[in-house]
């Protein structure tokens, strides 16, 4: 005996089964299209999240590489300043004078070698005596020019001959890193000013 009242769910099921006819199994075209559209939306959402994470990671890696390059350049400049007996800056060039002999005099006519830092194109260059494997300068070697880092702007300043400072800006893609190097603090820790 059938009850006079049938639930809406029961009516929906019976009409659904009746519309398929002869007990055919499978999905209708509309069901497949709706499922495909939902899958496409979920995939597009996942792709957008993945792309955002990739861009953020790339930006972080560029920033870290710029900070690493800045630290490396700062190390080079500070090492040369520690050895220098005087420094000057003019026209975007930092010039350091280094005594060749411990007894040498740091004058224009004294026994000194010169190290310069400047930007050529967008590359920061160091010109001076070569750096040996142990980190010391080969003061008797011929001056060489080394490219330190690309994408650079360099603004040196010297308040006195013993306190050079510089602002170095490095750029990679859309990422920029700017910092100021004060080399006088590193020099004061190592030895007294001449």
N, C-alpha and C. Protein backbone atom coordinates (compact mmCIF):
# COMPACT_ATOMS: atom_id res chain seq x y z
N UNK A 1 0.82 -1.16 0.00
CA UNK A 1 0.00 0.00 0.00
C UNK A 1 0.88 1.24 0.00
N UNK A 2 0.51 2.11 -0.89
CA UNK A 2 1.27 3.33 -0.98
C UNK A 2 0.65 4.36 -0.10
N UNK A 3 1.52 5.14 0.51
CA UNK A 3 0.97 6.18 1.35
C UNK A 3 0.52 7.32 0.44
N UNK A 4 -0.46 8.00 0.88
CA UNK A 4 -1.02 9.08 0.09
C UNK A 4 -0.03 10.23 -0.02
N UNK A 5 0.79 10.34 0.97
CA UNK A 5 1.74 11.44 0.95
C UNK A 5 3.12 10.88 0.61
N UNK A 6 3.71 11.43 -0.36
CA UNK A 6 5.08 11.06 -0.69
C UNK A 6 5.97 12.27 -0.47
N UNK A 7 7.17 11.99 -0.04
CA UNK A 7 8.10 13.10 0.25
C UNK A 7 8.58 13.72 -1.07
N UNK A 8 8.97 15.01 -1.00
CA UNK A 8 9.49 15.65 -2.22
C UNK A 8 10.74 14.94 -2.74
N UNK A 9 11.57 14.41 -1.83
CA UNK A 9 12.76 13.70 -2.25
C UNK A 9 12.39 12.44 -3.02
N UNK A 10 11.38 11.73 -2.55
CA UNK A 10 10.93 10.51 -3.23
C UNK A 10 10.39 10.85 -4.62
N UNK A 11 9.66 11.95 -4.71
CA UNK A 11 9.13 12.34 -6.03
C UNK A 11 10.27 12.72 -6.97
N UNK A 12 11.29 13.43 -6.45
CA UNK A 12 12.42 13.81 -7.28
C UNK A 12 13.17 12.59 -7.78
N UNK A 13 13.39 11.61 -6.88
CA UNK A 13 14.08 10.38 -7.28
C UNK A 13 13.29 9.62 -8.32
N UNK A 14 12.00 9.52 -8.14
CA UNK A 14 11.21 8.73 -9.09
C UNK A 14 11.15 9.44 -10.44
N UNK A 15 11.07 10.77 -10.45
CA UNK A 15 11.06 11.46 -11.74
C UNK A 15 12.43 11.38 -12.40
N UNK A 16 13.51 11.40 -11.58
CA UNK A 16 14.86 11.30 -12.11
C UNK A 16 15.05 9.92 -12.75
N UNK A 17 14.67 8.86 -12.03
CA UNK A 17 14.80 7.51 -12.56
C UNK A 17 13.92 7.32 -13.78
N UNK A 18 12.74 7.92 -13.77
CA UNK A 18 11.83 7.76 -14.89
C UNK A 18 12.36 8.48 -16.13
N UNK A 19 13.06 9.65 -15.92
CA UNK A 19 13.55 10.40 -17.07
C UNK A 19 14.70 9.68 -17.78
N UNK A 20 15.41 8.84 -17.07
CA UNK A 20 16.51 8.10 -17.69
C UNK A 20 15.98 6.96 -18.56
N UNK A 21 14.93 6.45 -18.18
CA UNK A 21 14.29 5.39 -18.97
C UNK A 21 15.06 4.10 -18.98
N UNK A 22 14.39 3.03 -18.96
CA UNK A 22 14.91 1.66 -19.08
C UNK A 22 16.13 1.38 -18.21
N UNK A 23 16.26 2.04 -17.07
CA UNK A 23 17.35 1.73 -16.12
C UNK A 23 18.73 2.06 -16.66
N UNK A 24 18.86 3.01 -17.56
CA UNK A 24 20.17 3.39 -18.11
C UNK A 24 21.01 4.04 -17.01
N UNK A 25 22.28 3.67 -16.93
CA UNK A 25 23.17 4.22 -15.92
C UNK A 25 24.08 5.27 -16.57
N UNK A 26 24.58 6.25 -15.74
CA UNK A 26 25.50 7.26 -16.24
C UNK A 26 25.03 8.65 -15.87
N UNK A 27 25.73 9.64 -16.40
CA UNK A 27 25.43 11.03 -16.07
C UNK A 27 24.85 11.72 -17.30
N UNK A 28 24.03 12.68 -17.04
CA UNK A 28 23.47 13.44 -18.14
C UNK A 28 24.50 14.48 -18.58
N UNK A 29 24.27 15.05 -19.73
CA UNK A 29 25.17 16.06 -20.26
C UNK A 29 25.24 17.27 -19.34
N UNK A 30 24.14 17.66 -18.79
CA UNK A 30 24.11 18.81 -17.89
C UNK A 30 24.93 18.52 -16.64
N UNK A 31 24.84 17.35 -16.09
CA UNK A 31 25.63 16.99 -14.91
C UNK A 31 27.13 17.03 -15.21
N UNK A 32 27.50 16.53 -16.36
CA UNK A 32 28.91 16.54 -16.74
C UNK A 32 29.41 17.97 -16.93
N UNK A 33 28.60 18.81 -17.57
CA UNK A 33 28.99 20.21 -17.78
C UNK A 33 29.11 20.96 -16.46
N UNK A 34 28.17 20.75 -15.54
CA UNK A 34 28.24 21.42 -14.24
C UNK A 34 29.48 20.95 -13.48
N UNK A 35 29.75 19.67 -13.47
CA UNK A 35 30.93 19.14 -12.78
C UNK A 35 32.22 19.69 -13.41
N UNK A 36 32.25 19.78 -14.73
CA UNK A 36 33.42 20.33 -15.41
C UNK A 36 33.63 21.80 -15.08
N UNK A 37 32.53 22.57 -15.02
CA UNK A 37 32.63 24.00 -14.68
C UNK A 37 33.13 24.18 -13.25
N UNK A 38 32.65 23.37 -12.33
CA UNK A 38 33.10 23.45 -10.94
C UNK A 38 34.59 23.09 -10.86
N UNK A 39 34.99 22.04 -11.55
CA UNK A 39 36.40 21.64 -11.57
C UNK A 39 37.28 22.72 -12.16
N UNK A 40 36.81 23.38 -13.21
CA UNK A 40 37.56 24.46 -13.82
C UNK A 40 37.73 25.64 -12.87
N UNK A 41 36.68 26.00 -12.15
CA UNK A 41 36.75 27.10 -11.18
C UNK A 41 37.74 26.79 -10.06
N UNK A 42 37.70 25.57 -9.56
CA UNK A 42 38.62 25.17 -8.50
C UNK A 42 40.06 25.19 -9.02
N UNK A 43 40.28 24.72 -10.25
CA UNK A 43 41.62 24.72 -10.84
C UNK A 43 42.13 26.14 -11.04
N UNK A 44 41.29 27.04 -11.52
CA UNK A 44 41.69 28.42 -11.72
C UNK A 44 42.03 29.10 -10.39
N UNK A 45 41.25 28.81 -9.35
CA UNK A 45 41.55 29.36 -8.03
C UNK A 45 42.89 28.86 -7.51
N UNK A 46 43.15 27.58 -7.68
CA UNK A 46 44.43 27.00 -7.27
C UNK A 46 45.58 27.58 -8.06
N UNK A 47 45.38 27.81 -9.35
CA UNK A 47 46.42 28.40 -10.18
C UNK A 47 46.74 29.83 -9.74
N UNK A 48 45.71 30.60 -9.40
CA UNK A 48 45.92 31.97 -8.94
C UNK A 48 46.72 32.00 -7.64
N UNK A 49 46.40 31.10 -6.72
CA UNK A 49 47.13 31.03 -5.45
C UNK A 49 48.58 30.62 -5.70
N UNK A 50 48.79 29.64 -6.55
CA UNK A 50 50.14 29.18 -6.86
C UNK A 50 50.95 30.29 -7.51
N UNK A 51 50.35 31.03 -8.45
CA UNK A 51 51.05 32.12 -9.12
C UNK A 51 51.42 33.23 -8.13
N UNK A 52 50.52 33.56 -7.22
CA UNK A 52 50.83 34.57 -6.19
C UNK A 52 51.97 34.14 -5.30
N UNK A 53 51.98 32.87 -4.89
CA UNK A 53 53.08 32.36 -4.07
C UNK A 53 54.40 32.38 -4.83
N UNK A 54 54.35 32.04 -6.11
CA UNK A 54 55.57 32.05 -6.93
C UNK A 54 56.13 33.46 -7.05
N UNK A 55 55.28 34.45 -7.27
CA UNK A 55 55.73 35.84 -7.37
C UNK A 55 56.31 36.33 -6.04
N UNK A 56 55.67 35.98 -4.93
CA UNK A 56 56.17 36.39 -3.62
C UNK A 56 57.53 35.75 -3.33
N UNK A 57 57.66 34.48 -3.66
CA UNK A 57 58.93 33.79 -3.43
C UNK A 57 60.04 34.38 -4.30
N UNK A 58 59.73 34.68 -5.55
CA UNK A 58 60.72 35.29 -6.44
C UNK A 58 61.17 36.64 -5.91
N UNK A 59 60.23 37.43 -5.44
CA UNK A 59 60.57 38.75 -4.89
C UNK A 59 61.44 38.61 -3.65
N UNK A 60 61.12 37.66 -2.78
CA UNK A 60 61.94 37.45 -1.57
C UNK A 60 63.35 36.99 -1.93
N UNK A 61 63.46 36.10 -2.91
CA UNK A 61 64.78 35.62 -3.31
C UNK A 61 65.61 36.74 -3.94
N UNK A 62 64.98 37.59 -4.76
CA UNK A 62 65.69 38.73 -5.34
C UNK A 62 66.17 39.68 -4.24
N UNK A 63 65.30 39.95 -3.28
CA UNK A 63 65.68 40.83 -2.17
C UNK A 63 66.84 40.26 -1.37
N UNK A 64 66.81 38.97 -1.10
CA UNK A 64 67.89 38.34 -0.35
C UNK A 64 69.19 38.37 -1.14
N UNK A 65 69.12 38.13 -2.45
CA UNK A 65 70.32 38.19 -3.29
C UNK A 65 70.91 39.59 -3.29
N UNK A 66 70.04 40.62 -3.34
CA UNK A 66 70.54 41.99 -3.31
C UNK A 66 71.21 42.31 -1.98
N UNK A 67 70.60 41.86 -0.87
CA UNK A 67 71.23 42.09 0.44
C UNK A 67 72.56 41.36 0.54
N UNK A 68 72.63 40.15 0.00
CA UNK A 68 73.90 39.40 0.02
C UNK A 68 74.96 40.13 -0.80
N UNK A 69 74.58 40.62 -1.99
CA UNK A 69 75.53 41.35 -2.82
C UNK A 69 75.99 42.63 -2.14
N UNK A 70 75.05 43.33 -1.49
CA UNK A 70 75.42 44.55 -0.79
C UNK A 70 76.42 44.24 0.33
N UNK A 71 76.19 43.17 1.07
CA UNK A 71 77.11 42.78 2.14
C UNK A 71 78.49 42.44 1.60
N UNK A 72 78.54 41.77 0.46
CA UNK A 72 79.82 41.40 -0.15
C UNK A 72 80.58 42.64 -0.59
N UNK A 73 79.88 43.58 -1.24
CA UNK A 73 80.52 44.82 -1.69
C UNK A 73 80.99 45.63 -0.48
N UNK A 74 80.16 45.71 0.55
CA UNK A 74 80.53 46.43 1.76
C UNK A 74 81.79 45.83 2.39
N UNK A 75 81.89 44.51 2.36
CA UNK A 75 83.07 43.83 2.88
C UNK A 75 84.32 44.22 2.09
N UNK A 76 84.22 44.24 0.77
CA UNK A 76 85.36 44.66 -0.08
C UNK A 76 85.78 46.08 0.28
N UNK A 77 84.82 46.99 0.29
CA UNK A 77 85.15 48.40 0.53
C UNK A 77 85.73 48.59 1.93
N UNK A 78 85.13 47.97 2.93
CA UNK A 78 85.65 48.11 4.29
C UNK A 78 87.06 47.54 4.42
N UNK A 79 87.32 46.41 3.76
CA UNK A 79 88.67 45.83 3.82
C UNK A 79 89.69 46.79 3.23
N UNK A 80 89.33 47.44 2.12
CA UNK A 80 90.26 48.41 1.52
C UNK A 80 90.40 49.65 2.39
N UNK A 81 89.31 50.10 3.00
CA UNK A 81 89.38 51.29 3.85
C UNK A 81 90.24 51.03 5.09
N UNK A 82 90.17 49.82 5.62
CA UNK A 82 90.99 49.48 6.78
C UNK A 82 92.47 49.62 6.45
N UNK A 83 92.85 49.28 5.22
CA UNK A 83 94.24 49.38 4.79
C UNK A 83 94.62 50.80 4.37
N UNK A 84 93.62 51.63 4.06
CA UNK A 84 93.89 52.95 3.48
C UNK A 84 94.43 53.93 4.51
N UNK A 85 95.26 54.85 4.02
CA UNK A 85 95.75 55.94 4.86
C UNK A 85 94.96 57.21 4.61
N UNK A 86 94.21 57.27 3.51
CA UNK A 86 93.32 58.40 3.27
C UNK A 86 92.28 58.01 2.23
N UNK A 87 91.21 58.79 2.20
CA UNK A 87 90.12 58.53 1.26
C UNK A 87 89.60 59.87 0.75
N UNK A 88 89.10 59.85 -0.47
CA UNK A 88 88.47 61.04 -1.03
C UNK A 88 87.38 60.58 -1.99
N UNK A 89 86.45 61.48 -2.26
CA UNK A 89 85.39 61.16 -3.21
C UNK A 89 85.12 62.37 -4.07
N UNK A 90 84.87 62.10 -5.34
CA UNK A 90 84.53 63.16 -6.29
C UNK A 90 83.88 62.52 -7.51
N UNK A 91 82.77 63.10 -7.95
CA UNK A 91 82.13 62.62 -9.17
C UNK A 91 81.70 61.17 -9.14
N UNK A 92 81.25 60.67 -7.99
CA UNK A 92 80.80 59.29 -7.90
C UNK A 92 81.91 58.27 -7.80
N UNK A 93 83.13 58.71 -7.53
CA UNK A 93 84.27 57.80 -7.41
C UNK A 93 84.82 57.89 -6.00
N UNK A 94 84.97 56.75 -5.35
CA UNK A 94 85.62 56.68 -4.04
C UNK A 94 87.07 56.27 -4.29
N UNK A 95 88.02 57.11 -3.87
CA UNK A 95 89.44 56.85 -4.08
C UNK A 95 90.10 56.63 -2.73
N UNK A 96 90.77 55.50 -2.59
CA UNK A 96 91.49 55.15 -1.36
C UNK A 96 92.97 55.07 -1.66
N UNK A 97 93.78 55.63 -0.78
CA UNK A 97 95.23 55.58 -0.93
C UNK A 97 95.77 54.64 0.15
N UNK A 98 96.54 53.64 -0.28
CA UNK A 98 97.07 52.62 0.62
C UNK A 98 98.60 52.68 0.58
N UNK A 99 99.21 52.73 1.77
CA UNK A 99 100.68 52.75 1.86
C UNK A 99 101.25 51.44 1.35
N UNK A 100 102.26 51.56 0.53
CA UNK A 100 102.92 50.36 0.01
C UNK A 100 103.80 49.73 1.08
N UNK A 101 104.50 50.53 1.85
CA UNK A 101 105.37 50.03 2.91
C UNK A 101 104.86 50.56 4.25
N UNK A 102 105.06 49.81 5.33
CA UNK A 102 104.61 50.31 6.63
C UNK A 102 105.23 51.64 6.99
N UNK A 103 106.45 51.89 6.52
CA UNK A 103 107.11 53.16 6.85
C UNK A 103 106.79 54.25 5.84
N UNK A 104 105.98 53.92 4.81
CA UNK A 104 105.67 54.89 3.77
C UNK A 104 104.85 56.05 4.31
N UNK A 105 104.89 57.12 3.60
CA UNK A 105 104.15 58.32 3.97
C UNK A 105 102.94 58.44 3.06
N UNK A 106 101.80 58.75 3.62
CA UNK A 106 100.58 58.83 2.83
C UNK A 106 100.43 60.24 2.26
N UNK A 107 101.23 60.52 1.25
CA UNK A 107 101.13 61.80 0.56
C UNK A 107 101.01 61.52 -0.92
N UNK A 108 100.75 62.55 -1.67
CA UNK A 108 100.64 62.39 -3.11
C UNK A 108 101.93 61.82 -3.69
N UNK A 109 103.06 62.25 -3.15
CA UNK A 109 104.34 61.77 -3.65
C UNK A 109 104.86 60.56 -2.88
N UNK A 110 104.12 60.10 -1.88
CA UNK A 110 104.58 58.97 -1.08
C UNK A 110 104.46 57.66 -1.83
N UNK A 111 104.94 56.60 -1.19
CA UNK A 111 104.91 55.28 -1.80
C UNK A 111 103.55 54.64 -1.53
N UNK A 112 102.53 55.00 -2.32
CA UNK A 112 101.17 54.52 -2.11
C UNK A 112 100.61 53.93 -3.39
N UNK A 113 99.60 53.10 -3.23
CA UNK A 113 98.81 52.60 -4.36
C UNK A 113 97.38 53.12 -4.20
N UNK A 114 96.67 53.18 -5.27
CA UNK A 114 95.32 53.72 -5.26
C UNK A 114 94.31 52.64 -5.58
N UNK A 115 93.20 52.64 -4.84
CA UNK A 115 92.06 51.78 -5.11
C UNK A 115 90.86 52.68 -5.34
N UNK A 116 90.14 52.43 -6.43
CA UNK A 116 88.94 53.23 -6.70
C UNK A 116 87.72 52.33 -6.83
N UNK A 117 86.59 52.87 -6.42
CA UNK A 117 85.29 52.23 -6.60
C UNK A 117 84.42 53.21 -7.37
N UNK A 118 83.82 52.73 -8.47
CA UNK A 118 82.96 53.59 -9.26
C UNK A 118 82.01 52.73 -10.09
N UNK A 119 80.94 53.34 -10.58
CA UNK A 119 79.98 52.65 -11.43
C UNK A 119 80.29 52.99 -12.88
N UNK A 120 80.41 51.96 -13.69
CA UNK A 120 80.58 52.11 -15.14
C UNK A 120 79.37 51.43 -15.79
N UNK A 121 78.54 52.20 -16.47
CA UNK A 121 77.27 51.65 -16.95
C UNK A 121 76.38 51.49 -15.73
N UNK A 122 76.04 50.29 -15.41
CA UNK A 122 75.32 50.03 -14.15
C UNK A 122 76.07 49.01 -13.30
N UNK A 123 77.37 48.86 -13.55
CA UNK A 123 78.19 47.86 -12.85
C UNK A 123 79.16 48.58 -11.91
N UNK A 124 79.13 48.21 -10.63
CA UNK A 124 80.10 48.75 -9.68
C UNK A 124 81.43 48.03 -9.89
N UNK A 125 82.48 48.83 -10.09
CA UNK A 125 83.81 48.28 -10.37
C UNK A 125 84.80 48.70 -9.30
N UNK A 126 85.75 47.81 -9.03
CA UNK A 126 86.88 48.09 -8.15
C UNK A 126 88.13 48.03 -8.99
N UNK A 127 88.93 49.10 -8.95
CA UNK A 127 90.20 49.14 -9.67
C UNK A 127 91.31 49.37 -8.65
N UNK A 128 92.28 48.48 -8.67
CA UNK A 128 93.37 48.60 -7.72
C UNK A 128 94.20 47.33 -7.70
N UNK A 129 95.07 47.20 -6.69
CA UNK A 129 95.90 46.00 -6.61
C UNK A 129 95.03 44.77 -6.42
N UNK A 130 95.45 43.66 -7.01
CA UNK A 130 94.64 42.45 -6.90
C UNK A 130 94.56 41.93 -5.45
N UNK A 131 93.47 41.28 -5.16
CA UNK A 131 93.28 40.66 -3.84
C UNK A 131 93.75 39.22 -3.93
N UNK A 132 94.62 38.83 -3.00
CA UNK A 132 95.16 37.48 -3.00
C UNK A 132 94.16 36.51 -2.35
N UNK A 133 94.43 35.23 -2.48
CA UNK A 133 93.54 34.21 -1.94
C UNK A 133 93.35 34.32 -0.43
N UNK A 134 94.37 34.80 0.27
CA UNK A 134 94.26 34.92 1.73
C UNK A 134 93.57 36.22 2.14
N UNK A 135 93.11 37.01 1.15
CA UNK A 135 92.37 38.24 1.45
C UNK A 135 93.21 39.49 1.54
N UNK A 136 94.52 39.36 1.45
CA UNK A 136 95.38 40.54 1.52
C UNK A 136 95.56 41.12 0.11
N UNK A 137 96.01 42.35 0.08
CA UNK A 137 96.25 43.01 -1.20
C UNK A 137 97.66 42.72 -1.68
N UNK A 138 97.79 42.46 -2.96
CA UNK A 138 99.10 42.31 -3.59
C UNK A 138 99.53 43.69 -4.05
N UNK A 139 100.18 44.45 -3.15
CA UNK A 139 100.52 45.84 -3.43
C UNK A 139 101.57 45.98 -4.51
N UNK A 140 102.25 44.90 -4.85
CA UNK A 140 103.26 44.96 -5.91
C UNK A 140 102.68 44.52 -7.25
N UNK A 141 101.44 44.02 -7.26
CA UNK A 141 100.83 43.56 -8.51
C UNK A 141 100.28 44.71 -9.33
N UNK A 142 100.07 44.45 -10.60
CA UNK A 142 99.48 45.45 -11.48
C UNK A 142 98.02 45.67 -11.10
N UNK A 143 97.56 46.90 -11.24
CA UNK A 143 96.17 47.22 -10.92
C UNK A 143 95.24 46.47 -11.87
N UNK A 144 94.18 45.94 -11.32
CA UNK A 144 93.17 45.24 -12.11
C UNK A 144 91.81 45.88 -11.85
N UNK A 145 90.92 45.73 -12.80
CA UNK A 145 89.55 46.20 -12.64
C UNK A 145 88.64 44.99 -12.53
N UNK A 146 87.87 44.95 -11.46
CA UNK A 146 86.96 43.83 -11.21
C UNK A 146 85.54 44.35 -11.15
N UNK A 147 84.64 43.66 -11.85
CA UNK A 147 83.23 43.98 -11.76
C UNK A 147 82.67 43.31 -10.50
N UNK A 148 82.14 44.12 -9.58
CA UNK A 148 81.66 43.57 -8.32
C UNK A 148 80.18 43.18 -8.39
N UNK A 149 79.35 44.07 -8.91
CA UNK A 149 77.92 43.77 -8.93
C UNK A 149 77.25 44.65 -9.99
N UNK A 150 76.26 44.06 -10.68
CA UNK A 150 75.50 44.80 -11.70
C UNK A 150 74.24 45.39 -11.08
N UNK A 151 73.65 46.33 -11.78
CA UNK A 151 72.43 46.97 -11.31
C UNK A 151 72.67 47.90 -10.15
N UNK A 152 73.80 48.64 -10.19
CA UNK A 152 74.21 49.43 -9.03
C UNK A 152 74.22 50.92 -9.33
N UNK A 153 73.90 51.70 -8.30
CA UNK A 153 74.22 53.13 -8.27
C UNK A 153 75.02 53.33 -7.00
N UNK A 154 76.03 54.18 -7.07
CA UNK A 154 77.01 54.33 -5.99
C UNK A 154 77.22 55.81 -5.74
N UNK A 155 77.07 56.21 -4.48
CA UNK A 155 77.23 57.62 -4.12
C UNK A 155 78.16 57.72 -2.92
N UNK A 156 79.47 57.86 -3.17
CA UNK A 156 80.41 57.98 -2.04
C UNK A 156 80.49 59.40 -1.51
N UNK A 157 80.83 59.52 -0.24
CA UNK A 157 81.04 60.83 0.38
C UNK A 157 82.11 60.67 1.45
N UNK A 158 82.91 61.69 1.63
CA UNK A 158 83.96 61.68 2.66
C UNK A 158 83.85 62.97 3.44
N UNK A 159 83.49 62.87 4.73
CA UNK A 159 83.45 64.07 5.56
C UNK A 159 84.86 64.50 5.92
N UNK A 160 85.73 63.52 6.14
CA UNK A 160 87.17 63.79 6.32
C UNK A 160 87.91 62.71 5.55
N UNK A 161 89.22 62.81 5.49
CA UNK A 161 90.01 61.81 4.77
C UNK A 161 89.99 60.46 5.47
N UNK A 162 89.47 60.42 6.70
CA UNK A 162 89.49 59.16 7.45
C UNK A 162 88.10 58.59 7.69
N UNK A 163 87.06 59.25 7.20
CA UNK A 163 85.71 58.77 7.46
C UNK A 163 84.88 58.71 6.19
N UNK A 164 85.24 57.83 5.28
CA UNK A 164 84.42 57.70 4.07
C UNK A 164 83.12 56.98 4.37
N UNK A 165 82.08 57.34 3.65
CA UNK A 165 80.83 56.61 3.71
C UNK A 165 80.29 56.55 2.28
N UNK A 166 79.33 55.72 2.06
CA UNK A 166 78.79 55.57 0.72
C UNK A 166 77.37 55.05 0.80
N UNK A 167 76.59 55.39 -0.23
CA UNK A 167 75.25 54.83 -0.37
C UNK A 167 75.26 53.99 -1.63
N UNK A 168 74.86 52.75 -1.48
CA UNK A 168 74.85 51.81 -2.60
C UNK A 168 73.43 51.32 -2.79
N UNK A 169 72.93 51.46 -4.01
CA UNK A 169 71.59 50.98 -4.37
C UNK A 169 71.75 49.89 -5.41
N UNK A 170 71.17 48.73 -5.13
CA UNK A 170 71.20 47.60 -6.06
C UNK A 170 69.78 47.31 -6.52
N UNK A 171 69.63 47.00 -7.81
CA UNK A 171 68.32 46.73 -8.37
C UNK A 171 68.36 45.44 -9.18
N UNK A 172 67.32 44.63 -8.99
CA UNK A 172 67.15 43.41 -9.77
C UNK A 172 65.66 43.27 -10.08
N UNK A 173 65.31 43.39 -11.34
CA UNK A 173 63.90 43.34 -11.72
C UNK A 173 63.17 44.53 -11.11
N UNK A 174 62.14 44.24 -10.32
CA UNK A 174 61.39 45.31 -9.66
C UNK A 174 61.82 45.49 -8.21
N UNK A 175 62.83 44.75 -7.77
CA UNK A 175 63.28 44.80 -6.38
C UNK A 175 64.50 45.71 -6.27
N UNK A 176 64.47 46.61 -5.29
CA UNK A 176 65.58 47.55 -5.06
C UNK A 176 65.99 47.49 -3.60
N UNK A 177 67.29 47.54 -3.36
CA UNK A 177 67.83 47.55 -2.00
C UNK A 177 68.84 48.67 -1.90
N UNK A 178 68.63 49.56 -0.94
CA UNK A 178 69.53 50.70 -0.72
C UNK A 178 69.99 50.68 0.73
N UNK A 179 71.29 50.90 0.93
CA UNK A 179 71.81 51.00 2.29
C UNK A 179 73.04 51.89 2.26
N UNK A 180 73.40 52.37 3.43
CA UNK A 180 74.54 53.26 3.58
C UNK A 180 75.64 52.54 4.35
N UNK A 181 76.86 52.61 3.84
CA UNK A 181 78.01 52.02 4.52
C UNK A 181 78.82 53.10 5.19
N UNK A 182 79.07 52.92 6.48
CA UNK A 182 79.93 53.83 7.23
C UNK A 182 81.18 53.06 7.59
N UNK A 183 82.22 53.26 6.85
CA UNK A 183 83.42 52.45 7.02
C UNK A 183 84.28 52.91 8.19
N UNK A 184 84.06 54.11 8.72
CA UNK A 184 84.93 54.61 9.78
C UNK A 184 84.81 53.75 11.03
N UNK A 185 83.65 53.19 11.31
CA UNK A 185 83.48 52.36 12.51
C UNK A 185 84.33 51.10 12.41
N UNK A 186 84.36 50.46 11.24
CA UNK A 186 85.19 49.26 11.06
C UNK A 186 86.66 49.59 11.16
N UNK A 187 87.04 50.75 10.64
CA UNK A 187 88.45 51.14 10.70
C UNK A 187 88.88 51.42 12.12
N UNK A 188 88.03 52.06 12.92
CA UNK A 188 88.39 52.40 14.29
C UNK A 188 88.61 51.16 15.14
N UNK A 189 87.90 50.08 14.84
CA UNK A 189 88.06 48.86 15.62
C UNK A 189 89.40 48.19 15.35
N UNK A 190 89.93 48.36 14.13
CA UNK A 190 91.13 47.63 13.75
C UNK A 190 92.39 48.34 14.18
N UNK A 191 92.47 49.62 13.93
CA UNK A 191 93.68 50.36 14.30
C UNK A 191 93.34 51.84 14.42
N UNK A 192 94.22 52.55 15.03
CA UNK A 192 94.02 54.00 15.19
C UNK A 192 94.26 54.67 13.84
N UNK A 193 93.67 55.83 13.67
CA UNK A 193 93.91 56.58 12.46
C UNK A 193 95.37 57.02 12.40
N UNK A 194 95.93 57.06 11.20
CA UNK A 194 97.33 57.50 11.07
C UNK A 194 97.48 58.96 11.40
